C-alpha atoms as a PDB file:
ATOM      1  CA  MET A   1     -17.054 -13.645   0.310  1.00  0.00           C
ATOM      2  CA  GLN A   2     -13.706 -15.573   0.752  1.00  0.00           C
ATOM      3  CA  SER A   3     -10.830 -14.314  -1.993  1.00  0.00           C
ATOM      4  CA  MET A   4     -10.353 -16.678  -4.314  1.00  0.00           C
ATOM      5  CA  PHE A   5      -6.855 -15.567  -5.469  1.00  0.00           C
ATOM      6  CA  PRO A   6      -4.375 -18.287  -3.900  1.00  0.00           C
ATOM      7  CA  GLY A   7      -1.859 -15.517  -3.170  1.00  0.00           C
ATOM      8  CA  MET A   8      -2.291 -11.422  -3.498  1.00  0.00           C
ATOM      9  CA  ASN A   9      -5.345 -10.412  -5.061  1.00  0.00           C
ATOM     10  CA  PRO A  10      -4.455  -7.737  -7.153  1.00  0.00           C
ATOM     11  CA  TYR A  11      -7.392  -5.705  -6.726  1.00  0.00           C
ATOM     12  CA  LEU A  12      -6.424  -4.777  -3.084  1.00  0.00           C
ATOM     13  CA  GLU A  13      -3.408  -2.376  -4.618  1.00  0.00           C
ATOM     14  CA  SER A  14      -6.002   0.279  -6.128  1.00  0.00           C
ATOM     15  CA  PRO A  15      -5.791   3.547  -5.383  1.00  0.00           C
ATOM     16  CA  GLU A  16      -9.433   2.988  -4.497  1.00  0.00           C
ATOM     17  CA  LEU A  17      -8.653   0.411  -1.607  1.00  0.00           C
ATOM     18  CA  GLY A  18      -5.003   0.725  -1.274  1.00  0.00           C
ATOM     19  CA  SER A  19      -5.106   2.712   2.031  1.00  0.00           C
ATOM     20  CA  GLU A  20      -7.963   0.884   3.560  1.00  0.00           C
ATOM     21  CA  VAL A  21      -6.011  -2.295   2.835  1.00  0.00           C
ATOM     22  CA  HIS A  22      -2.916  -1.228   4.537  1.00  0.00           C
ATOM     23  CA  PHE A  23      -4.630   0.333   7.590  1.00  0.00           C
ATOM     24  CA  GLY A  24      -6.089  -2.986   8.274  1.00  0.00           C
ATOM     25  CA  LEU A  25      -3.274  -5.144   7.417  1.00  0.00           C
ATOM     26  CA  ILE A  26      -1.198  -3.195   9.985  1.00  0.00           C
ATOM     27  CA  ALA A  27      -4.268  -3.285  12.342  1.00  0.00           C
ATOM     28  CA  VAL A  28      -4.281  -7.128  12.029  1.00  0.00           C
ATOM     29  CA  LEU A  29      -0.575  -7.720  12.237  1.00  0.00           C
ATOM     30  CA  ALA A  30      -0.620  -5.792  15.691  1.00  0.00           C
ATOM     31  CA  ARG A  31      -3.233  -7.926  17.190  1.00  0.00           C
ATOM     32  CA  SER A  32      -1.852 -11.242  15.758  1.00  0.00           C
ATOM     33  CA  LEU A  33       1.621 -10.495  17.029  1.00  0.00           C
ATOM     34  CA  ASN A  34       0.451  -9.392  20.152  1.00  0.00           C
ATOM     35  CA  ALA A  35      -1.266 -12.434  20.693  1.00  0.00           C
ATOM     36  CA  MET A  36       2.235 -14.038  20.659  1.00  0.00           C
ATOM     37  CA  ILE A  37       5.187 -12.295  21.485  1.00  0.00           C
ATOM     38  CA  THR A  38       3.493 -10.899  24.716  1.00  0.00           C
ATOM     39  CA  PRO A  39       4.703 -10.075  28.008  1.00  0.00           C
ATOM     40  CA  LYS A  40       8.034  -9.873  26.867  1.00  0.00           C
ATOM     41  CA  TYR A  41       7.429  -7.499  23.821  1.00  0.00           C
ATOM     42  CA  ARG A  42       4.460  -5.696  22.113  1.00  0.00           C
ATOM     43  CA  ALA A  43       3.518  -4.482  18.975  1.00  0.00           C
ATOM     44  CA  ALA A  44       3.053  -0.741  18.516  1.00  0.00           C
ATOM     45  CA  VAL A  45       1.437   1.291  16.004  1.00  0.00           C
ATOM     46  CA  GLU A  46       3.308   3.972  15.081  1.00  0.00           C
ATOM     47  CA  LYS A  47       3.008   6.753  11.677  1.00  0.00           C
ATOM     48  CA  ARG A  48       4.954   8.826   9.992  1.00  0.00           C
ATOM     49  CA  VAL A  49       3.763  12.616   8.636  1.00  0.00           C
ATOM     50  CA  TYR A  50       4.676  14.238   5.564  1.00  0.00           C
ATOM     51  CA  THR A  51       3.211  16.524   2.991  1.00  0.00           C
ATOM     52  CA  ASP A  52       3.314  15.821  -0.698  1.00  0.00           C
ATOM     53  CA  SER A  53       3.142  17.952  -3.540  1.00  0.00           C
ATOM     54  CA  LEU A  54       0.073  16.554  -6.092  1.00  0.00           C
ATOM     55  CA  LEU A  55      -0.303  17.695  -9.421  1.00  0.00           C
ATOM     56  CA  VAL A  56      -4.688  18.486  -9.922  1.00  0.00           C
ATOM     57  CA  GLY A  57      -6.114  18.822 -13.188  1.00  0.00           C
ATOM     58  CA  ILE A  58      -8.960  21.638 -13.707  1.00  0.00           C
ATOM     59  CA  PRO A  59     -11.445  21.773 -16.059  1.00  0.00           C
ATOM     60  CA  ASP A  60     -11.242  24.611 -18.300  1.00  0.00           C
ATOM     61  CA  VAL A  61     -15.018  25.341 -17.859  1.00  0.00           C
ATOM     62  CA  VAL A  62     -17.659  24.148 -15.190  1.00  0.00           C
ATOM     63  CA  VAL A  63     -21.251  24.214 -16.321  1.00  0.00           C
ATOM     64  CA  VAL A  64     -23.880  23.743 -13.587  1.00  0.00           C
ATOM     65  CA  GLN A  65     -27.212  23.739 -15.053  1.00  0.00           C
ATOM     66  CA  ARG A  66     -30.515  23.914 -12.862  1.00  0.00           C
ATOM     67  CA  GLY A  67     -33.214  22.822 -15.291  1.00  0.00           C
ATOM     68  CA  ALA A  68     -36.193  23.972 -12.366  1.00  0.00           C
ATOM     69  CA  GLU A  69     -34.821  27.501 -12.213  1.00  0.00           C
ATOM     70  CA  THR A  70     -34.170  28.275 -15.635  1.00  0.00           C
ATOM     71  CA  ASN A  71     -36.136  28.721 -18.995  1.00  0.00           C
ATOM     72  CA  PRO A  72     -33.968  28.967 -22.308  1.00  0.00           C
ATOM     73  CA  GLU A  73     -37.332  30.201 -24.324  1.00  0.00           C
ATOM     74  CA  VAL A  74     -36.905  33.050 -21.519  1.00  0.00           C
ATOM     75  CA  ILE A  75     -33.543  34.175 -21.016  1.00  0.00           C
ATOM     76  CA  LYS A  76     -31.492  35.133 -23.928  1.00  0.00           C
ATOM     77  CA  PRO A  77     -27.942  35.054 -24.186  1.00  0.00           C
ATOM     78  CA  GLN A  78     -25.986  38.767 -24.228  1.00  0.00           C
ATOM     79  CA  GLN A  79     -24.862  40.021 -27.048  1.00  0.00           C
ATOM     80  CA  THR A  80     -20.656  41.192 -26.546  1.00  0.00           C
ATOM     81  CA  THR A  81     -18.512  42.088 -29.011  1.00  0.00           C
ATOM     82  CA  ALA A  82     -15.492  41.826 -26.517  1.00  0.00           C
ATOM     83  CA  THR A  83     -12.681  39.656 -27.713  1.00  0.00           C
ATOM     84  CA  LEU A  84     -11.691  37.192 -24.610  1.00  0.00           C
ATOM     85  CA  SER A  85      -8.340  35.905 -24.460  1.00  0.00           C
ATOM     86  CA  LYS A  86      -7.618  32.298 -25.107  1.00  0.00           C
ATOM     87  CA  PRO A  87      -6.212  30.519 -21.761  1.00  0.00           C
ATOM     88  CA  LEU A  88      -4.003  27.717 -21.467  1.00  0.00           C
ATOM     89  CA  ALA A  89      -5.288  24.631 -19.897  1.00  0.00           C
ATOM     90  CA  VAL A  90      -2.546  24.047 -17.017  1.00  0.00           C
ATOM     91  CA  THR A  91      -2.334  21.631 -13.815  1.00  0.00           C
ATOM     92  CA  VAL A  92      -1.458  23.310 -10.359  1.00  0.00           C
ATOM     93  CA  SER A  93       0.356  21.937  -7.513  1.00  0.00           C
ATOM     94  CA  ILE A  94      -1.469  21.137  -4.484  1.00  0.00           C
ATOM     95  CA  VAL A  95       0.102  19.964  -0.919  1.00  0.00           C
ATOM     96  CA  GLU A  96      -1.064  17.243   0.759  1.00  0.00           C
ATOM     97  CA  GLU A  97      -1.067  15.948   4.214  1.00  0.00           C
ATOM     98  CA  THR A  98       0.245  11.736   4.156  1.00  0.00           C
ATOM     99  CA  GLN A  99      -0.248   9.653   7.439  1.00  0.00           C
ATOM    100  CA  GLU A 100       1.723   6.034   6.641  1.00  0.00           C
ATOM    101  CA  ARG A 101       1.286   3.517   9.756  1.00  0.00           C
ATOM    102  CA  PHE A 102       3.904   0.679  10.314  1.00  0.00           C
ATOM    103  CA  LEU A 103       4.788  -1.664  13.616  1.00  0.00           C
ATOM    104  CA  GLU A 104       7.129  -1.080  16.123  1.00  0.00           C
ATOM    105  CA  ILE A 105       7.921  -4.581  17.876  1.00  0.00           C
ATOM    106  CA  ARG A 106       9.122  -3.121  21.474  1.00  0.00           C
ATOM    107  CA  GLU A 107      10.956  -5.193  24.397  1.00  0.00           C
ATOM    108  CA  VAL A 108       8.302  -3.992  27.723  1.00  0.00           C
ATOM    109  CA  ALA A 109      10.947  -3.762  30.459  1.00  0.00           C
ATOM    110  CA  THR A 110      13.221  -1.530  28.247  1.00  0.00           C
ATOM    111  CA  GLY A 111      11.253   0.061  25.832  1.00  0.00           C
ATOM    112  CA  SER A 112      13.871  -0.496  22.978  1.00  0.00           C
ATOM    113  CA  VAL A 113      12.882  -0.815  19.431  1.00  0.00           C
ATOM    114  CA  VAL A 114      13.602  -4.989  18.367  1.00  0.00           C
ATOM    115  CA  THR A 115      11.896  -4.652  15.343  1.00  0.00           C
ATOM    116  CA  VAL A 116      10.328  -2.412  12.692  1.00  0.00           C
ATOM    117  CA  VAL A 117       7.536  -4.063  10.184  1.00  0.00           C
ATOM    118  CA  GLU A 118       6.332  -1.924   6.914  1.00  0.00           C
ATOM    119  CA  VAL A 119       3.820  -2.256   4.586  1.00  0.00           C
ATOM    120  CA  LEU A 120       5.026  -0.466   1.705  1.00  0.00           C
ATOM    121  CA  SER A 121       2.437   2.285   0.233  1.00  0.00           C
ATOM    122  CA  PRO A 122       2.663   3.224  -3.002  1.00  0.00           C
ATOM    123  CA  LYS A 123       4.150   6.654  -2.168  1.00  0.00           C
ATOM    124  CA  ASN A 124       6.934   4.761  -0.625  1.00  0.00           C
ATOM    125  CA  LYS A 125       7.926   3.353  -4.380  1.00  0.00           C
ATOM    126  CA  ARG A 126       7.161   6.415  -6.540  1.00  0.00           C
ATOM    127  CA  ALA A 127       9.423   9.874  -6.657  1.00  0.00           C
ATOM    128  CA  GLY A 128       8.250  12.441  -4.237  1.00  0.00           C
ATOM    129  CA  GLU A 129       8.969  13.084  -0.544  1.00  0.00           C
ATOM    130  CA  GLY A 130       6.655   9.930   0.175  1.00  0.00           C
ATOM    131  CA  GLN A 131      10.111   7.753  -1.192  1.00  0.00           C
ATOM    132  CA  VAL A 132      12.334  10.015   0.428  1.00  0.00           C
ATOM    133  CA  LYS A 133      10.981   9.596   4.034  1.00  0.00           C
ATOM    134  CA  TYR A 134      10.977   6.072   3.460  1.00  0.00           C
ATOM    135  CA  ASP A 135      14.116   5.445   1.729  1.00  0.00           C
ATOM    136  CA  THR A 136      15.873   7.299   4.432  1.00  0.00           C
ATOM    137  CA  LYS A 137      14.234   5.632   7.318  1.00  0.00           C
ATOM    138  CA  ARG A 138      15.243   2.326   5.789  1.00  0.00           C
ATOM    139  CA  GLN A 139      19.160   3.162   5.449  1.00  0.00           C
ATOM    140  CA  ARG A 140      19.241   4.072   9.071  1.00  0.00           C
ATOM    141  CA  LEU A 141      17.610   0.906  10.017  1.00  0.00           C
ATOM    142  CA  LEU A 142      19.899  -0.960   8.187  1.00  0.00           C
ATOM    143  CA  ASN A 143      22.842   0.620   9.324  1.00  0.00           C
ATOM    144  CA  SER A 144      21.385   0.210  13.401  1.00  0.00           C
ATOM    145  CA  ALA A 145      20.855  -3.042  15.823  1.00  0.00           C
ATOM    146  CA  VAL A 146      17.309  -3.088  14.637  1.00  0.00           C
ATOM    147  CA  HIS A 147      15.983  -5.818  12.495  1.00  0.00           C
ATOM    148  CA  LEU A 148      13.667  -4.910   9.566  1.00  0.00           C
ATOM    149  CA  VAL A 149      10.921  -6.554   7.471  1.00  0.00           C
ATOM    150  CA  GLU A 150       9.561  -5.072   4.687  1.00  0.00           C
ATOM    151  CA  ILE A 151       6.114  -6.261   3.140  1.00  0.00           C
ATOM    152  CA  ASP A 152       6.152  -4.996  -0.930  1.00  0.00           C
ATOM    153  CA  LEU A 153       2.473  -6.029  -1.708  1.00  0.00           C
ATOM    154  CA  LEU A 154       2.523  -3.499  -4.887  1.00  0.00           C
ATOM    155  CA  ARG A 155       3.284  -4.653  -8.353  1.00  0.00           C
ATOM    156  CA  THR A 156       4.157  -1.326 -10.032  1.00  0.00           C
ATOM    157  CA  GLY A 157       6.489   1.400  -8.485  1.00  0.00           C
ATOM    158  CA  GLU A 158      10.403   1.140  -7.887  1.00  0.00           C
ATOM    159  CA  ALA A 159      11.462  -1.954  -5.952  1.00  0.00           C
ATOM    160  CA  LYS A 160      13.458  -1.376  -3.075  1.00  0.00           C
ATOM    161  CA  PRO A 161      16.909  -2.241  -3.898  1.00  0.00           C
ATOM    162  CA  VAL A 162      18.997  -5.562  -2.685  1.00  0.00           C
ATOM    163  CA  ALA A 163      21.656  -7.002  -4.327  1.00  0.00           C
ATOM    164  CA  GLY A 164      20.837  -9.586  -7.363  1.00  0.00           C
ATOM    165  CA  GLY A 165      18.499  -8.160  -9.519  1.00  0.00           C
ATOM    166  CA  ILE A 166      15.739 -10.222  -8.764  1.00  0.00           C
ATOM    167  CA  ALA A 167      12.437  -9.416 -10.467  1.00  0.00           C
ATOM    168  CA  SER A 168       9.119 -10.529  -8.818  1.00  0.00           C
ATOM    169  CA  ASP A 169       5.351  -9.081  -8.844  1.00  0.00           C
ATOM    170  CA  TYR A 170       5.584  -9.248  -4.745  1.00  0.00           C
ATOM    171  CA  ARG A 171       8.664  -9.546  -2.029  1.00  0.00           C
ATOM    172  CA  ILE A 172       9.586  -9.765   1.215  1.00  0.00           C
ATOM    173  CA  LEU A 173      12.586  -8.733   2.889  1.00  0.00           C
ATOM    174  CA  VAL A 174      13.756  -9.433   6.046  1.00  0.00           C
ATOM    175  CA  SER A 175      16.892  -7.875   7.632  1.00  0.00           C
ATOM    176  CA  ARG A 176      18.213  -9.235  10.680  1.00  0.00           C
ATOM    177  CA  ALA A 177      20.779  -6.748  12.373  1.00  0.00           C
ATOM    178  CA  ASN A 178      23.317  -9.994  13.233  1.00  0.00           C
ATOM    179  CA  TYR A 179      23.596 -11.227   9.734  1.00  0.00           C
ATOM    180  CA  ARG A 180      23.699  -8.081   7.989  1.00  0.00           C
ATOM    181  CA  PRO A 181      24.285  -7.209   4.888  1.00  0.00           C
ATOM    182  CA  THR A 182      22.714 -10.428   4.416  1.00  0.00           C
ATOM    183  CA  ALA A 183      19.167 -10.461   4.504  1.00  0.00           C
ATOM    184  CA  GLU A 184      16.236 -13.406   3.267  1.00  0.00           C
ATOM    185  CA  LEU A 185      14.255 -12.315   0.372  1.00  0.00           C
ATOM    186  CA  TYR A 186      10.745 -13.926  -0.515  1.00  0.00           C
ATOM    187  CA  PRO A 187       9.997 -12.782  -3.653  1.00  0.00           C
ATOM    188  CA  PHE A 188       6.497 -14.113  -5.483  1.00  0.00           C
ATOM    189  CA  ASN A 189       4.603 -13.483  -8.335  1.00  0.00           C
ATOM    190  CA  LEU A 190       0.655 -12.801  -8.550  1.00  0.00           C
ATOM    191  CA  ARG A 191      -0.107 -17.113  -8.883  1.00  0.00           C
ATOM    192  CA  ASP A 192       2.026 -17.785  -5.866  1.00  0.00           C
ATOM    193  CA  PRO A 193       0.676 -18.047  -2.257  1.00  0.00           C
ATOM    194  CA  LEU A 194       1.779 -15.210  -0.102  1.00  0.00           C
ATOM    195  CA  PRO A 195       4.982 -16.293   2.158  1.00  0.00           C
ATOM    196  CA  ARG A 196       4.836 -17.258   5.882  1.00  0.00           C
ATOM    197  CA  PHE A 197       8.235 -16.285   7.637  1.00  0.00           C
ATOM    198  CA  LEU A 198       9.508 -15.635  11.460  1.00  0.00           C
ATOM    199  CA  LEU A 199       9.417 -12.312  12.931  1.00  0.00           C
ATOM    200  CA  PRO A 200      12.997 -11.511  14.299  1.00  0.00           C
ATOM    201  CA  LEU A 201      13.005 -10.481  17.751  1.00  0.00           C
ATOM    202  CA  ARG A 202      16.280 -10.975  19.982  1.00  0.00           C
ATOM    203  CA  SER A 203      18.432 -13.741  20.195  1.00  0.00           C
ATOM    204  CA  GLY A 204      17.696 -17.043  21.552  1.00  0.00           C
ATOM    205  CA  ASP A 205      13.771 -15.831  22.193  1.00  0.00           C
ATOM    206  CA  SER A 206      10.996 -17.860  20.553  1.00  0.00           C
ATOM    207  CA  GLU A 207      10.141 -15.804  16.919  1.00  0.00           C
ATOM    208  CA  PRO A 208       6.567 -16.213  15.732  1.00  0.00           C
ATOM    209  CA  ILE A 209       5.516 -17.285  12.389  1.00  0.00           C
ATOM    210  CA  ILE A 210       3.836 -14.153  10.548  1.00  0.00           C
ATOM    211  CA  ASP A 211       0.988 -16.044   8.143  1.00  0.00           C
ATOM    212  CA  LEU A 212       0.141 -12.823   5.539  1.00  0.00           C
ATOM    213  CA  GLN A 213      -2.039 -14.976   3.791  1.00  0.00           C
ATOM    214  CA  THR A 214      -4.221 -15.659   6.793  1.00  0.00           C
ATOM    215  CA  LEU A 215      -4.102 -12.040   7.712  1.00  0.00           C
ATOM    216  CA  LEU A 216      -4.772 -10.478   4.460  1.00  0.00           C
ATOM    217  CA  GLU A 217      -7.869 -12.748   4.406  1.00  0.00           C
ATOM    218  CA  GLN A 218      -8.883 -11.366   7.220  1.00  0.00           C
ATOM    219  CA  VAL A 219      -8.831  -8.008   6.315  1.00  0.00           C
ATOM    220  CA  TYR A 220     -10.660  -8.858   3.243  1.00  0.00           C
ATOM    221  CA  GLN A 221     -13.434 -10.244   4.869  1.00  0.00           C
ATOM    222  CA  GLU A 222     -13.455  -7.877   8.069  1.00  0.00           C
ATOM    223  CA  ALA A 223     -13.504  -5.004   5.716  1.00  0.00           C
ATOM    224  CA  ALA A 224     -16.044  -6.891   3.208  1.00  0.00           C
ATOM    225  CA  LEU A 225     -13.692  -5.523   0.372  1.00  0.00           C
ATOM    226  CA  ASP A 226     -15.569  -7.982  -2.306  1.00  0.00           C
ATOM    227  CA  LEU A 227     -18.590  -5.619  -2.225  1.00  0.00           C
ATOM    228  CA  ALA A 228     -16.286  -2.829  -3.281  1.00  0.00           C
ATOM    229  CA  ILE A 229     -14.627  -5.073  -6.233  1.00  0.00           C
ATOM    230  CA  ASP A 230     -15.723  -5.626  -9.907  1.00  0.00           C
ATOM    231  CA  TYR A 231     -14.289  -8.657 -11.113  1.00  0.00           C
ATOM    232  CA  SER A 232     -15.164  -8.596 -14.654  1.00  0.00           C
ATOM    233  CA  MET A 233     -12.955  -5.421 -14.641  1.00  0.00           C
ATOM    234  CA  GLN A 234      -8.946  -4.927 -14.990  1.00  0.00           C
ATOM    235  CA  PRO A 235      -7.836  -4.191 -11.785  1.00  0.00           C
ATOM    236  CA  ASN A 236      -5.551  -0.926 -11.158  1.00  0.00           C
ATOM    237  CA  PRO A 237      -3.167  -1.429 -12.169  1.00  0.00           C
ATOM    238  CA  PRO A 238      -3.607  -3.696 -14.972  1.00  0.00           C
ATOM    239  CA  LEU A 239      -2.571  -7.408 -15.159  1.00  0.00           C
ATOM    240  CA  ARG A 240      -0.714  -8.692 -18.117  1.00  0.00           C
ATOM    241  CA  GLU A 241      -3.003 -10.313 -20.458  1.00  0.00           C
ATOM    242  CA  GLU A 242      -1.790 -13.729 -19.462  1.00  0.00           C
ATOM    243  CA  ASP A 243      -2.662 -12.866 -15.779  1.00  0.00           C
ATOM    244  CA  PHE A 244      -6.056 -11.326 -16.450  1.00  0.00           C
ATOM    245  CA  GLN A 245      -7.110 -14.834 -18.418  1.00  0.00           C
ATOM    246  CA  TRP A 246      -5.632 -16.905 -15.751  1.00  0.00           C
ATOM    247  CA  MET A 247      -7.754 -15.038 -13.053  1.00  0.00           C
ATOM    248  CA  GLN A 248     -11.155 -15.070 -15.718  1.00  0.00           C
ATOM    249  CA  SER A 249     -10.533 -18.798 -15.148  1.00  0.00           C
ATOM    250  CA  LEU A 250     -10.707 -18.874 -11.586  1.00  0.00           C
ATOM    251  CA  LEU A 251     -13.907 -16.551 -11.487  1.00  0.00           C
ATOM    252  CA  GLU A 252     -15.821 -19.333 -13.723  1.00  0.00           C
ATOM    253  CA  VAL A 253     -14.685 -22.057 -10.912  1.00  0.00           C
ATOM    254  CA  GLU A 254     -16.136 -19.650  -8.546  1.00  0.00           C
END
């Protein structure tokens, strides 16, 4: 089934589907680019690994009842005069290992990295180790001779800083090393089509067009994501009410 949205599908931002969409988009990006930039360049899928702390709620009591093994008429509760201390409900922190994929566009003859393509994850946009790791790398790239393409398809979280304070639901940043600090920003909202833009390479080389709309649609169909989405419910994170009503009007057309 084809996605009904003219641009970004907000249901693909959900925590349940986010990692699958992220990995799928990186994979189709690599395949698409390698069909256009070889043999001088190749797109390589790389990953960074870090640990992050999660707060996990622990229920006060877990009761498991097996009806076939117990008979309430036979088993009598034990009487006790002991007074139990009253516990506090708390959350505990656990450490989770996270792997995030990104693309490096490498020059085959030298092995040098020419461009880095990042698709932001929720952890890159909220306080924690994921944000620290990404922001450190981002600043290093912006101070280097490597081009950066940053794709942000998430409405929530802290947008990466650019001058001017431009507000939008989503954005794509293309930072060419030879034009810094000037960069190309493609801001867009839920109802807008996803931008088409050029992938920066070495000066003088033909630059391929990244058609993000087509690639995201490919991810949606290959993974059969329509079967994992209930379009009668608000997405997670939820839409503004006017956007949700607009989305419902799209469903009626379908």
